[in-house]
Amino acid sequence: ETIPKSNKSITSDESVGAQTNYQIIGIDPGAGIMKAAHKALQDYQ
């Protein structure tokens, strides 16, 4: 608990997705930036 997992992840060979749990932290669902973010996930597959 006291040693952040990311300290190991930053220097690890894991992919960015594995390091971040394949999550992007957003805001309220009604915001326009969230609509654009969903579009980005689709555009970049």
PDB file of all heavy atoms in Angstrom:
ATOM      1  N   GLU A   1       0.813  -1.201   0.000  1.00  0.00           N
ATOM      2  CA  GLU A   1       0.000   0.000   0.000  1.00  0.00           C
ATOM      3  C   GLU A   1       0.853   1.260   0.000  1.00  0.00           C
ATOM      4  O   GLU A   1       0.484   2.270  -0.569  1.00  0.00           O
ATOM      5  CB  GLU A   1      -0.915  -0.002   1.229  1.00  0.00           C
ATOM      6  CG  GLU A   1      -1.877  -1.169   1.286  1.00  0.00           C
ATOM      7  CD  GLU A   1      -2.610  -1.232   2.611  1.00  0.00           C
ATOM      8  OE1 GLU A   1      -2.383  -0.368   3.470  1.00  0.00           O
ATOM      9  OE2 GLU A   1      -3.416  -2.171   2.793  1.00  0.00           O
ATOM     10  N   THR A   2       1.994   1.223   0.699  1.00  0.00           N
ATOM     11  CA  THR A   2       2.790   2.435   0.841  1.00  0.00           C
ATOM     12  C   THR A   2       3.690   2.695  -0.345  1.00  0.00           C
ATOM     13  O   THR A   2       4.117   3.814  -0.568  1.00  0.00           O
ATOM     14  CB  THR A   2       3.659   2.359   2.110  1.00  0.00           C
ATOM     15  OG1 THR A   2       4.479   1.194   2.037  1.00  0.00           O
ATOM     16  CG2 THR A   2       2.789   2.284   3.348  1.00  0.00           C
ATOM     17  N   ILE A   3       4.035   1.692  -1.115  1.00  0.00           N
ATOM     18  CA  ILE A   3       4.826   1.892  -2.323  1.00  0.00           C
ATOM     19  C   ILE A   3       3.881   1.914  -3.515  1.00  0.00           C
ATOM     20  O   ILE A   3       3.250   0.910  -3.827  1.00  0.00           O
ATOM     21  CB  ILE A   3       5.874   0.769  -2.507  1.00  0.00           C
ATOM     22  CG1 ILE A   3       6.865   0.784  -1.337  1.00  0.00           C
ATOM     23  CG2 ILE A   3       6.607   0.939  -3.819  1.00  0.00           C
ATOM     24  CD1 ILE A   3       7.906  -0.302  -1.416  1.00  0.00           C
ATOM     25  N   PRO A   4       3.715   3.093  -4.185  1.00  0.00           N
ATOM     26  CA  PRO A   4       2.786   3.175  -5.310  1.00  0.00           C
ATOM     27  C   PRO A   4       3.123   2.157  -6.389  1.00  0.00           C
ATOM     28  O   PRO A   4       4.279   1.986  -6.757  1.00  0.00           O
ATOM     29  CB  PRO A   4       3.000   4.609  -5.822  1.00  0.00           C
ATOM     30  CG  PRO A   4       3.634   5.349  -4.680  1.00  0.00           C
ATOM     31  CD  PRO A   4       4.430   4.330  -3.928  1.00  0.00           C
ATOM     32  N   LYS A   5       2.098   1.509  -6.863  1.00  0.00           N
ATOM     33  CA  LYS A   5       2.308   0.541  -7.938  1.00  0.00           C
ATOM     34  C   LYS A   5       2.978   1.191  -9.131  1.00  0.00           C
ATOM     35  O   LYS A   5       3.775   0.592  -9.823  1.00  0.00           O
ATOM     36  CB  LYS A   5       0.967  -0.067  -8.368  1.00  0.00           C
ATOM     37  CG  LYS A   5       0.279  -0.882  -7.283  1.00  0.00           C
ATOM     38  CD  LYS A   5      -1.052  -1.394  -7.791  1.00  0.00           C
ATOM     39  CE  LYS A   5      -1.785  -2.202  -6.732  1.00  0.00           C
ATOM     40  NZ  LYS A   5      -3.100  -2.676  -7.203  1.00  0.00           N
ATOM     41  N   SER A   6       2.646   2.482  -9.349  1.00  0.00           N
ATOM     42  CA  SER A   6       3.135   3.149 -10.537  1.00  0.00           C
ATOM     43  C   SER A   6       4.637   3.374 -10.507  1.00  0.00           C
ATOM     44  O   SER A   6       5.247   3.546 -11.537  1.00  0.00           O
ATOM     45  CB  SER A   6       2.433   4.487 -10.710  1.00  0.00           C
ATOM     46  OG  SER A   6       2.579   5.248  -9.533  1.00  0.00           O
ATOM     47  N   ASN A   7       5.255   3.436  -9.326  1.00  0.00           N
ATOM     48  CA  ASN A   7       6.698   3.609  -9.291  1.00  0.00           C
ATOM     49  C   ASN A   7       7.379   2.471 -10.037  1.00  0.00           C
ATOM     50  O   ASN A   7       8.399   2.646 -10.671  1.00  0.00           O
ATOM     51  CB  ASN A   7       7.192   3.648  -7.839  1.00  0.00           C
ATOM     52  CG  ASN A   7       6.938   4.997  -7.197  1.00  0.00           C
ATOM     53  OD1 ASN A   7       6.443   5.894  -7.861  1.00  0.00           O
ATOM     54  ND2 ASN A   7       7.265   5.136  -5.939  1.00  0.00           N
ATOM     55  N   LYS A   8       6.773   1.300  -9.935  1.00  0.00           N
ATOM     56  CA  LYS A   8       7.297   0.162 -10.676  1.00  0.00           C
ATOM     57  C   LYS A   8       6.839   0.230 -12.131  1.00  0.00           C
ATOM     58  O   LYS A   8       7.588  -0.095 -13.042  1.00  0.00           O
ATOM     59  CB  LYS A   8       6.820  -1.145 -10.033  1.00  0.00           C
ATOM     60  CG  LYS A   8       7.409  -2.389 -10.693  1.00  0.00           C
ATOM     61  CD  LYS A   8       7.026  -3.656  -9.951  1.00  0.00           C
ATOM     62  CE  LYS A   8       5.564  -3.974 -10.080  1.00  0.00           C
ATOM     63  NZ  LYS A   8       5.220  -5.296  -9.516  1.00  0.00           N
ATOM     64  N   SER A   9       5.602   0.713 -12.327  1.00  0.00           N
ATOM     65  CA  SER A   9       5.038   0.734 -13.677  1.00  0.00           C
ATOM     66  C   SER A   9       5.758   1.727 -14.581  1.00  0.00           C
ATOM     67  O   SER A   9       5.943   1.478 -15.762  1.00  0.00           O
ATOM     68  CB  SER A   9       3.546   1.081 -13.619  1.00  0.00           C
ATOM     69  OG  SER A   9       2.839   0.116 -12.883  1.00  0.00           O
ATOM     70  N   ILE A  10       6.146   2.883 -14.037  1.00  0.00           N
ATOM     71  CA  ILE A  10       6.778   3.909 -14.853  1.00  0.00           C
ATOM     72  C   ILE A  10       8.045   3.378 -15.512  1.00  0.00           C
ATOM     73  O   ILE A  10       8.372   3.720 -16.639  1.00  0.00           O
ATOM     74  CB  ILE A  10       7.099   5.147 -13.990  1.00  0.00           C
ATOM     75  CG1 ILE A  10       5.811   5.909 -13.668  1.00  0.00           C
ATOM     76  CG2 ILE A  10       8.073   6.071 -14.692  1.00  0.00           C
ATOM     77  CD1 ILE A  10       5.134   6.506 -14.861  1.00  0.00           C
ATOM     78  N   THR A  11       8.782   2.539 -14.803  1.00  0.00           N
ATOM     79  CA  THR A  11      10.034   2.026 -15.354  1.00  0.00           C
ATOM     80  C   THR A  11       9.891   0.612 -15.884  1.00  0.00           C
ATOM     81  O   THR A  11      10.864  -0.019 -16.249  1.00  0.00           O
ATOM     82  CB  THR A  11      11.124   2.038 -14.254  1.00  0.00           C
ATOM     83  OG1 THR A  11      10.682   1.241 -13.144  1.00  0.00           O
ATOM     84  CG2 THR A  11      11.389   3.451 -13.777  1.00  0.00           C
ATOM     85  N   SER A  12       8.664   0.116 -15.910  1.00  0.00           N
ATOM     86  CA  SER A  12       8.456  -1.253 -16.360  1.00  0.00           C
ATOM     87  C   SER A  12       8.302  -1.309 -17.868  1.00  0.00           C
ATOM     88  O   SER A  12       8.227  -0.289 -18.543  1.00  0.00           O
ATOM     89  CB  SER A  12       7.209  -1.846 -15.695  1.00  0.00           C
ATOM     90  OG  SER A  12       6.049  -1.313 -16.289  1.00  0.00           O
ATOM     91  N   ASP A  13       8.248  -2.520 -18.378  1.00  0.00           N
ATOM     92  CA  ASP A  13       8.057  -2.709 -19.813  1.00  0.00           C
ATOM     93  C   ASP A  13       6.581  -2.866 -20.172  1.00  0.00           C
ATOM     94  O   ASP A  13       6.259  -3.180 -21.311  1.00  0.00           O
ATOM     95  CB  ASP A  13       8.824  -3.953 -20.280  1.00  0.00           C
ATOM     96  CG  ASP A  13      10.333  -3.776 -20.151  1.00  0.00           C
ATOM     97  OD1 ASP A  13      10.795  -2.626 -20.298  1.00  0.00           O
ATOM     98  OD2 ASP A  13      11.032  -4.773 -19.896  1.00  0.00           O
ATOM     99  N   GLU A  14       5.701  -2.659 -19.202  1.00  0.00           N
ATOM    100  CA  GLU A  14       4.271  -2.791 -19.468  1.00  0.00           C
ATOM    101  C   GLU A  14       3.813  -1.699 -20.427  1.00  0.00           C
ATOM    102  O   GLU A  14       4.368  -0.600 -20.469  1.00  0.00           O
ATOM    103  CB  GLU A  14       3.471  -2.695 -18.164  1.00  0.00           C
ATOM    104  CG  GLU A  14       3.616  -3.894 -17.256  1.00  0.00           C
ATOM    105  CD  GLU A  14       2.740  -3.752 -16.017  1.00  0.00           C
ATOM    106  OE1 GLU A  14       2.741  -2.667 -15.410  1.00  0.00           O
ATOM    107  OE2 GLU A  14       2.058  -4.722 -15.668  1.00  0.00           O
ATOM    108  N   SER A  15       2.771  -1.985 -21.159  1.00  0.00           N
ATOM    109  CA  SER A  15       2.200  -0.985 -22.056  1.00  0.00           C
ATOM    110  C   SER A  15       1.522   0.110 -21.236  1.00  0.00           C
ATOM    111  O   SER A  15       1.234  -0.067 -20.051  1.00  0.00           O
ATOM    112  CB  SER A  15       1.171  -1.639 -22.979  1.00  0.00           C
ATOM    113  OG  SER A  15       0.048  -2.073 -22.227  1.00  0.00           O
ATOM    114  N   VAL A  16       1.271   1.253 -21.889  1.00  0.00           N
ATOM    115  CA  VAL A  16       0.575   2.348 -21.215  1.00  0.00           C
ATOM    116  C   VAL A  16      -0.801   1.886 -20.748  1.00  0.00           C
ATOM    117  O   VAL A  16      -1.257   2.239 -19.656  1.00  0.00           O
ATOM    118  CB  VAL A  16       0.452   3.558 -22.159  1.00  0.00           C
ATOM    119  CG1 VAL A  16      -0.371   4.660 -21.502  1.00  0.00           C
ATOM    120  CG2 VAL A  16       1.822   4.072 -22.538  1.00  0.00           C
ATOM    121  N   GLY A  17      -1.447   1.066 -21.576  1.00  0.00           N
ATOM    122  CA  GLY A  17      -2.763   0.552 -21.191  1.00  0.00           C
ATOM    123  C   GLY A  17      -2.705  -0.277 -19.922  1.00  0.00           C
ATOM    124  O   GLY A  17      -3.531  -0.110 -19.024  1.00  0.00           O
ATOM    125  N   ALA A  18      -1.730  -1.173 -19.841  1.00  0.00           N
ATOM    126  CA  ALA A  18      -1.594  -2.011 -18.650  1.00  0.00           C
ATOM    127  C   ALA A  18      -1.275  -1.161 -17.427  1.00  0.00           C
ATOM    128  O   ALA A  18      -1.761  -1.424 -16.325  1.00  0.00           O
ATOM    129  CB  ALA A  18      -0.512  -3.059 -18.871  1.00  0.00           C
ATOM    130  N   GLN A  19      -0.466  -0.125 -17.602  1.00  0.00           N
ATOM    131  CA  GLN A  19      -0.090   0.741 -16.492  1.00  0.00           C
ATOM    132  C   GLN A  19      -1.278   1.537 -15.953  1.00  0.00           C
ATOM    133  O   GLN A  19      -1.355   1.830 -14.758  1.00  0.00           O
ATOM    134  CB  GLN A  19       1.008   1.713 -16.932  1.00  0.00           C
ATOM    135  CG  GLN A  19       2.343   1.061 -17.250  1.00  0.00           C
ATOM    136  CD  GLN A  19       3.351   2.080 -17.744  1.00  0.00           C
ATOM    137  OE1 GLN A  19       3.375   3.217 -17.284  1.00  0.00           O
ATOM    138  NE2 GLN A  19       4.174   1.679 -18.697  1.00  0.00           N
ATOM    139  N   THR A  20      -2.207   1.897 -16.820  1.00  0.00           N
ATOM    140  CA  THR A  20      -3.339   2.727 -16.423  1.00  0.00           C
ATOM    141  C   THR A  20      -4.650   1.956 -16.329  1.00  0.00           C
ATOM    142  O   THR A  20      -5.714   2.556 -16.187  1.00  0.00           O
ATOM    143  CB  THR A  20      -3.525   3.873 -17.438  1.00  0.00           C
ATOM    144  OG1 THR A  20      -3.708   3.308 -18.745  1.00  0.00           O
ATOM    145  CG2 THR A  20      -2.327   4.799 -17.447  1.00  0.00           C
ATOM    146  N   ASN A  21      -4.560   0.632 -16.421  1.00  0.00           N
ATOM    147  CA  ASN A  21      -5.773  -0.196 -16.353  1.00  0.00           C
ATOM    148  C   ASN A  21      -6.701   0.064 -17.537  1.00  0.00           C
ATOM    149  O   ASN A  21      -7.901  -0.159 -17.453  1.00  0.00           O
ATOM    150  CB  ASN A  21      -6.530   0.065 -15.053  1.00  0.00           C
ATOM    151  CG  ASN A  21      -6.858  -1.219 -14.324  1.00  0.00           C
ATOM    152  OD1 ASN A  21      -6.421  -2.296 -14.705  1.00  0.00           O
ATOM    153  ND2 ASN A  21      -7.628  -1.095 -13.277  1.00  0.00           N
ATOM    154  N   TYR A  22      -6.144   0.574 -18.624  1.00  0.00           N
ATOM    155  CA  TYR A  22      -6.921   0.897 -19.831  1.00  0.00           C
ATOM    156  C   TYR A  22      -8.068   1.856 -19.517  1.00  0.00           C
ATOM    157  O   TYR A  22      -9.156   1.746 -20.078  1.00  0.00           O
ATOM    158  CB  TYR A  22      -7.445  -0.379 -20.490  1.00  0.00           C
ATOM    159  CG  TYR A  22      -6.339  -1.229 -21.071  1.00  0.00           C
ATOM    160  CD1 TYR A  22      -5.760  -2.260 -20.323  1.00  0.00           C
ATOM    161  CD2 TYR A  22      -5.846  -0.993 -22.348  1.00  0.00           C
ATOM    162  CE1 TYR A  22      -4.728  -3.031 -20.844  1.00  0.00           C
ATOM    163  CE2 TYR A  22      -4.802  -1.756 -22.872  1.00  0.00           C
ATOM    164  CZ  TYR A  22      -4.247  -2.770 -22.118  1.00  0.00           C
ATOM    165  OH  TYR A  22      -3.219  -3.530 -22.636  1.00  0.00           O
ATOM    166  N   GLN A  23      -7.800   2.809 -18.630  1.00  0.00           N
ATOM    167  CA  GLN A  23      -8.829   3.779 -18.236  1.00  0.00           C
ATOM    168  C   GLN A  23      -8.347   5.200 -18.486  1.00  0.00           C
ATOM    169  O   GLN A  23      -7.181   5.533 -18.250  1.00  0.00           O
ATOM    170  CB  GLN A  23      -9.178   3.628 -16.758  1.00  0.00           C
ATOM    171  CG  GLN A  23      -9.917   2.341 -16.420  1.00  0.00           C
ATOM    172  CD  GLN A  23     -10.305   2.276 -14.964  1.00  0.00           C
ATOM    173  OE1 GLN A  23      -9.697   2.936 -14.117  1.00  0.00           O
ATOM    174  NE2 GLN A  23     -11.324   1.483 -14.653  1.00  0.00           N
ATOM    175  N   ILE A  24      -9.261   6.036 -18.961  1.00  0.00           N
ATOM    176  CA  ILE A  24      -9.031   7.468 -19.103  1.00  0.00           C
ATOM    177  C   ILE A  24     -10.011   8.163 -18.168  1.00  0.00           C
ATOM    178  O   ILE A  24     -11.221   7.909 -18.222  1.00  0.00           O
ATOM    179  CB  ILE A  24      -9.243   7.926 -20.555  1.00  0.00           C
ATOM    180  CG1 ILE A  24      -8.197   7.254 -21.466  1.00  0.00           C
ATOM    181  CG2 ILE A  24      -9.172   9.440 -20.671  1.00  0.00           C
ATOM    182  CD1 ILE A  24      -8.458   7.430 -22.944  1.00  0.00           C
ATOM    183  N   ILE A  25      -9.502   9.011 -17.295  1.00  0.00           N
ATOM    184  CA  ILE A  25     -10.332   9.654 -16.274  1.00  0.00           C
ATOM    185  C   ILE A  25     -11.011  10.878 -16.871  1.00  0.00           C
ATOM    186  O   ILE A  25     -10.353  11.840 -17.284  1.00  0.00           O
ATOM    187  CB  ILE A  25      -9.486  10.065 -15.050  1.00  0.00           C
ATOM    188  CG1 ILE A  25      -8.654   8.875 -14.557  1.00  0.00           C
ATOM    189  CG2 ILE A  25     -10.394  10.598 -13.946  1.00  0.00           C
ATOM    190  CD1 ILE A  25      -9.461   7.655 -14.191  1.00  0.00           C
ATOM    191  N   GLY A  26     -12.336  10.830 -16.937  1.00  0.00           N
ATOM    192  CA  GLY A  26     -13.105  11.913 -17.522  1.00  0.00           C
ATOM    193  C   GLY A  26     -13.844  12.744 -16.493  1.00  0.00           C
ATOM    194  O   GLY A  26     -13.561  12.691 -15.292  1.00  0.00           O
ATOM    195  N   ILE A  27     -14.828  13.512 -16.972  1.00  0.00           N
ATOM    196  CA  ILE A  27     -15.640  14.353 -16.097  1.00  0.00           C
ATOM    197  C   ILE A  27     -17.105  13.958 -16.259  1.00  0.00           C
ATOM    198  O   ILE A  27     -17.390  12.801 -16.557  1.00  0.00           O
ATOM    199  CB  ILE A  27     -15.396  15.851 -16.380  1.00  0.00           C
ATOM    200  CG1 ILE A  27     -15.685  16.195 -17.861  1.00  0.00           C
ATOM    201  CG2 ILE A  27     -13.959  16.227 -16.030  1.00  0.00           C
ATOM    202  CD1 ILE A  27     -15.622  17.690 -18.162  1.00  0.00           C
ATOM    203  N   ASP A  28     -18.024  14.916 -16.067  1.00  0.00           N
ATOM    204  CA  ASP A  28     -19.441  14.570 -16.115  1.00  0.00           C
ATOM    205  C   ASP A  28     -19.838  14.129 -17.523  1.00  0.00           C
ATOM    206  O   ASP A  28     -19.375  14.681 -18.519  1.00  0.00           O
ATOM    207  CB  ASP A  28     -20.304  15.760 -15.659  1.00  0.00           C
ATOM    208  CG  ASP A  28     -19.947  17.050 -16.363  1.00  0.00           C
ATOM    209  OD1 ASP A  28     -18.857  17.576 -16.070  1.00  0.00           O
ATOM    210  OD2 ASP A  28     -20.747  17.514 -17.183  1.00  0.00           O
ATOM    211  N   PRO A  29     -20.701  13.125 -17.608  1.00  0.00           N
ATOM    212  CA  PRO A  29     -21.025  12.510 -18.906  1.00  0.00           C
ATOM    213  C   PRO A  29     -21.668  13.449 -19.904  1.00  0.00           C
ATOM    214  O   PRO A  29     -21.597  13.225 -21.107  1.00  0.00           O
ATOM    215  CB  PRO A  29     -21.963  11.358 -18.528  1.00  0.00           C
ATOM    216  CG  PRO A  29     -22.500  11.706 -17.177  1.00  0.00           C
ATOM    217  CD  PRO A  29     -21.389  12.457 -16.486  1.00  0.00           C
ATOM    218  N   GLY A  30     -22.298  14.538 -19.449  1.00  0.00           N
ATOM    219  CA  GLY A  30     -22.962  15.448 -20.369  1.00  0.00           C
ATOM    220  C   GLY A  30     -22.036  16.468 -21.013  1.00  0.00           C
ATOM    221  O   GLY A  30     -22.451  17.218 -21.898  1.00  0.00           O
ATOM    222  N   ALA A  31     -20.785  16.503 -20.595  1.00  0.00           N
ATOM    223  CA  ALA A  31     -19.853  17.503 -21.116  1.00  0.00           C
ATOM    224  C   ALA A  31     -19.452  17.180 -22.555  1.00  0.00           C
ATOM    225  O   ALA A  31     -19.265  16.018 -22.915  1.00  0.00           O
ATOM    226  CB  ALA A  31     -18.612  17.575 -20.230  1.00  0.00           C
ATOM    227  N   GLY A  32     -19.288  18.215 -23.365  1.00  0.00           N
ATOM    228  CA  GLY A  32     -18.915  18.016 -24.751  1.00  0.00           C
ATOM    229  C   GLY A  32     -17.560  17.345 -24.912  1.00  0.00           C
ATOM    230  O   GLY A  32     -17.349  16.582 -25.861  1.00  0.00           O
ATOM    231  N   ILE A  33     -16.659  17.597 -23.976  1.00  0.00           N
ATOM    232  CA  ILE A  33     -15.337  16.979 -24.065  1.00  0.00           C
ATOM    233  C   ILE A  33     -15.437  15.459 -23.930  1.00  0.00           C
ATOM    234  O   ILE A  33     -14.631  14.722 -24.496  1.00  0.00           O
ATOM    235  CB  ILE A  33     -14.384  17.546 -22.976  1.00  0.00           C
ATOM    236  CG1 ILE A  33     -12.949  17.108 -23.252  1.00  0.00           C
ATOM    237  CG2 ILE A  33     -14.821  17.149 -21.586  1.00  0.00           C
ATOM    238  CD1 ILE A  33     -11.928  17.747 -22.327  1.00  0.00           C
ATOM    239  N   MET A  34     -16.452  14.990 -23.226  1.00  0.00           N
ATOM    240  CA  MET A  34     -16.636  13.543 -23.081  1.00  0.00           C
ATOM    241  C   MET A  34     -17.122  12.934 -24.397  1.00  0.00           C
ATOM    242  O   MET A  34     -16.737  11.817 -24.765  1.00  0.00           O
ATOM    243  CB  MET A  34     -17.613  13.252 -21.952  1.00  0.00           C
ATOM    244  CG  MET A  34     -17.104  13.638 -20.573  1.00  0.00           C
ATOM    245  SD  MET A  34     -15.705  12.623 -20.043  1.00  0.00           S
ATOM    246  CE  MET A  34     -16.586  11.163 -19.453  1.00  0.00           C
ATOM    247  N   LYS A  35     -17.949  13.665 -25.108  1.00  0.00           N
ATOM    248  CA  LYS A  35     -18.394  13.198 -26.421  1.00  0.00           C
ATOM    249  C   LYS A  35     -17.202  13.101 -27.370  1.00  0.00           C
ATOM    250  O   LYS A  35     -17.049  12.121 -28.114  1.00  0.00           O
ATOM    251  CB  LYS A  35     -19.445  14.150 -26.992  1.00  0.00           C
ATOM    252  CG  LYS A  35     -19.977  13.736 -28.352  1.00  0.00           C
ATOM    253  CD  LYS A  35     -21.048  14.703 -28.856  1.00  0.00           C
ATOM    254  CE  LYS A  35     -21.553  14.283 -30.227  1.00  0.00           C
ATOM    255  NZ  LYS A  35     -22.591  15.226 -30.742  1.00  0.00           N
ATOM    256  N   ALA A  36     -16.327  14.106 -27.325  1.00  0.00           N
ATOM    257  CA  ALA A  36     -15.133  14.084 -28.165  1.00  0.00           C
ATOM    258  C   ALA A  36     -14.198  12.955 -27.749  1.00  0.00           C
ATOM    259  O   ALA A  36     -13.552  12.325 -28.597  1.00  0.00           O
ATOM    260  CB  ALA A  36     -14.412  15.430 -28.070  1.00  0.00           C
ATOM    261  N   ALA A  37     -14.133  12.688 -26.438  1.00  0.00           N
ATOM    262  CA  ALA A  37     -13.271  11.613 -25.942  1.00  0.00           C
ATOM    263  C   ALA A  37     -13.759  10.254 -26.440  1.00  0.00           C
ATOM    264  O   ALA A  37     -12.962   9.401 -26.843  1.00  0.00           O
ATOM    265  CB  ALA A  37     -13.225  11.639 -24.419  1.00  0.00           C
ATOM    266  N   HIS A  38     -15.067  10.045 -26.418  1.00  0.00           N
ATOM    267  CA  HIS A  38     -15.627   8.796 -26.955  1.00  0.00           C
ATOM    268  C   HIS A  38     -15.316   8.677 -28.453  1.00  0.00           C
ATOM    269  O   HIS A  38     -15.002   7.588 -28.942  1.00  0.00           O
ATOM    270  CB  HIS A  38     -17.132   8.760 -26.723  1.00  0.00           C
ATOM    271  CG  HIS A  38     -17.532   8.371 -25.336  1.00  0.00           C
ATOM    272  ND1 HIS A  38     -17.302   7.111 -24.811  1.00  0.00           N
ATOM    273  CD2 HIS A  38     -18.141   9.085 -24.350  1.00  0.00           C
ATOM    274  CE1 HIS A  38     -17.754   7.047 -23.580  1.00  0.00           C
ATOM    275  NE2 HIS A  38     -18.267   8.228 -23.268  1.00  0.00           N
ATOM    276  N   LYS A  39     -15.414   9.804 -29.148  1.00  0.00           N
ATOM    277  CA  LYS A  39     -15.101   9.805 -30.579  1.00  0.00           C
ATOM    278  C   LYS A  39     -13.638   9.425 -30.808  1.00  0.00           C
ATOM    279  O   LYS A  39     -13.303   8.683 -31.737  1.00  0.00           O
ATOM    280  CB  LYS A  39     -15.395  11.178 -31.181  1.00  0.00           C
ATOM    281  CG  LYS A  39     -15.165  11.266 -32.695  1.00  0.00           C
ATOM    282  CD  LYS A  39     -15.565  12.639 -33.232  1.00  0.00           C
ATOM    283  CE  LYS A  39     -15.445  12.691 -34.752  1.00  0.00           C
ATOM    284  NZ  LYS A  39     -14.081  12.456 -35.242  1.00  0.00           N
ATOM    285  N   ALA A  40     -12.761   9.935 -29.944  1.00  0.00           N
ATOM    286  CA  ALA A  40     -11.336   9.615 -30.073  1.00  0.00           C
ATOM    287  C   ALA A  40     -11.088   8.127 -29.893  1.00  0.00           C
ATOM    288  O   ALA A  40     -10.288   7.524 -30.630  1.00  0.00           O
ATOM    289  CB  ALA A  40     -10.534  10.412 -29.048  1.00  0.00           C
ATOM    290  N   LEU A  41     -11.782   7.516 -28.931  1.00  0.00           N
ATOM    291  CA  LEU A  41     -11.612   6.074 -28.724  1.00  0.00           C
ATOM    292  C   LEU A  41     -12.025   5.299 -29.974  1.00  0.00           C
ATOM    293  O   LEU A  41     -11.403   4.290 -30.323  1.00  0.00           O
ATOM    294  CB  LEU A  41     -12.428   5.615 -27.517  1.00  0.00           C
ATOM    295  CG  LEU A  41     -12.006   6.160 -26.148  1.00  0.00           C
ATOM    296  CD1 LEU A  41     -12.858   5.529 -25.040  1.00  0.00           C
ATOM    297  CD2 LEU A  41     -10.529   5.900 -25.877  1.00  0.00           C
ATOM    298  N   GLN A  42     -13.071   5.785 -30.649  1.00  0.00           N
ATOM    299  CA  GLN A  42     -13.521   5.132 -31.876  1.00  0.00           C
ATOM    300  C   GLN A  42     -12.564   5.416 -33.038  1.00  0.00           C
ATOM    301  O   GLN A  42     -12.180   4.503 -33.775  1.00  0.00           O
ATOM    302  CB  GLN A  42     -14.929   5.617 -32.223  1.00  0.00           C
ATOM    303  CG  GLN A  42     -15.989   5.205 -31.217  1.00  0.00           C
ATOM    304  CD  GLN A  42     -17.347   5.785 -31.552  1.00  0.00           C
ATOM    305  OE1 GLN A  42     -17.491   6.580 -32.485  1.00  0.00           O
ATOM    306  NE2 GLN A  42     -18.360   5.395 -30.795  1.00  0.00           N
ATOM    307  N   ASP A  43     -12.173   6.687 -33.173  1.00  0.00           N
ATOM    308  CA  ASP A  43     -11.313   7.069 -34.294  1.00  0.00           C
ATOM    309  C   ASP A  43      -9.984   6.329 -34.263  1.00  0.00           C
ATOM    310  O   ASP A  43      -9.444   5.955 -35.318  1.00  0.00           O
ATOM    311  CB  ASP A  43     -11.051   8.575 -34.270  1.00  0.00           C
ATOM    312  CG  ASP A  43     -12.285   9.398 -34.601  1.00  0.00           C
ATOM    313  OD1 ASP A  43     -13.263   8.813 -35.098  1.00  0.00           O
ATOM    314  OD2 ASP A  43     -12.259  10.628 -34.355  1.00  0.00           O
ATOM    315  N   TYR A  44      -9.451   6.128 -33.066  1.00  0.00           N
ATOM    316  CA  TYR A  44      -8.148   5.473 -32.940  1.00  0.00           C
ATOM    317  C   TYR A  44      -8.278   3.971 -32.648  1.00  0.00           C
ATOM    318  O   TYR A  44      -7.285   3.320 -32.357  1.00  0.00           O
ATOM    319  CB  TYR A  44      -7.325   6.160 -31.850  1.00  0.00           C
ATOM    320  CG  TYR A  44      -6.897   7.562 -32.227  1.00  0.00           C
ATOM    321  CD1 TYR A  44      -7.677   8.663 -31.900  1.00  0.00           C
ATOM    322  CD2 TYR A  44      -5.716   7.780 -32.928  1.00  0.00           C
ATOM    323  CE1 TYR A  44      -7.301   9.960 -32.250  1.00  0.00           C
ATOM    324  CE2 TYR A  44      -5.322   9.071 -33.280  1.00  0.00           C
ATOM    325  CZ  TYR A  44      -6.125  10.143 -32.942  1.00  0.00           C
ATOM    326  OH  TYR A  44      -5.745  11.420 -33.291  1.00  0.00           O
ATOM    327  N   GLN A  45      -9.528   3.478 -32.697  1.00  0.00           N
ATOM    328  CA  GLN A  45      -9.806   2.049 -32.503  1.00  0.00           C
ATOM    329  C   GLN A  45      -9.221   1.520 -31.192  1.00  0.00           C
ATOM    330  O   GLN A  45      -8.602   0.450 -31.145  1.00  0.00           O
ATOM    331  CB  GLN A  45      -9.276   1.244 -33.696  1.00  0.00           C
ATOM    332  CG  GLN A  45      -9.923   1.633 -35.015  1.00  0.00           C
ATOM    333  CD  GLN A  45      -9.408   0.827 -36.199  1.00  0.00           C
ATOM    334  OE1 GLN A  45      -8.434   0.081 -36.099  1.00  0.00           O
ATOM    335  NE2 GLN A  45     -10.078   0.960 -37.344  1.00  0.00           N
TER     336      GLN A  45
END
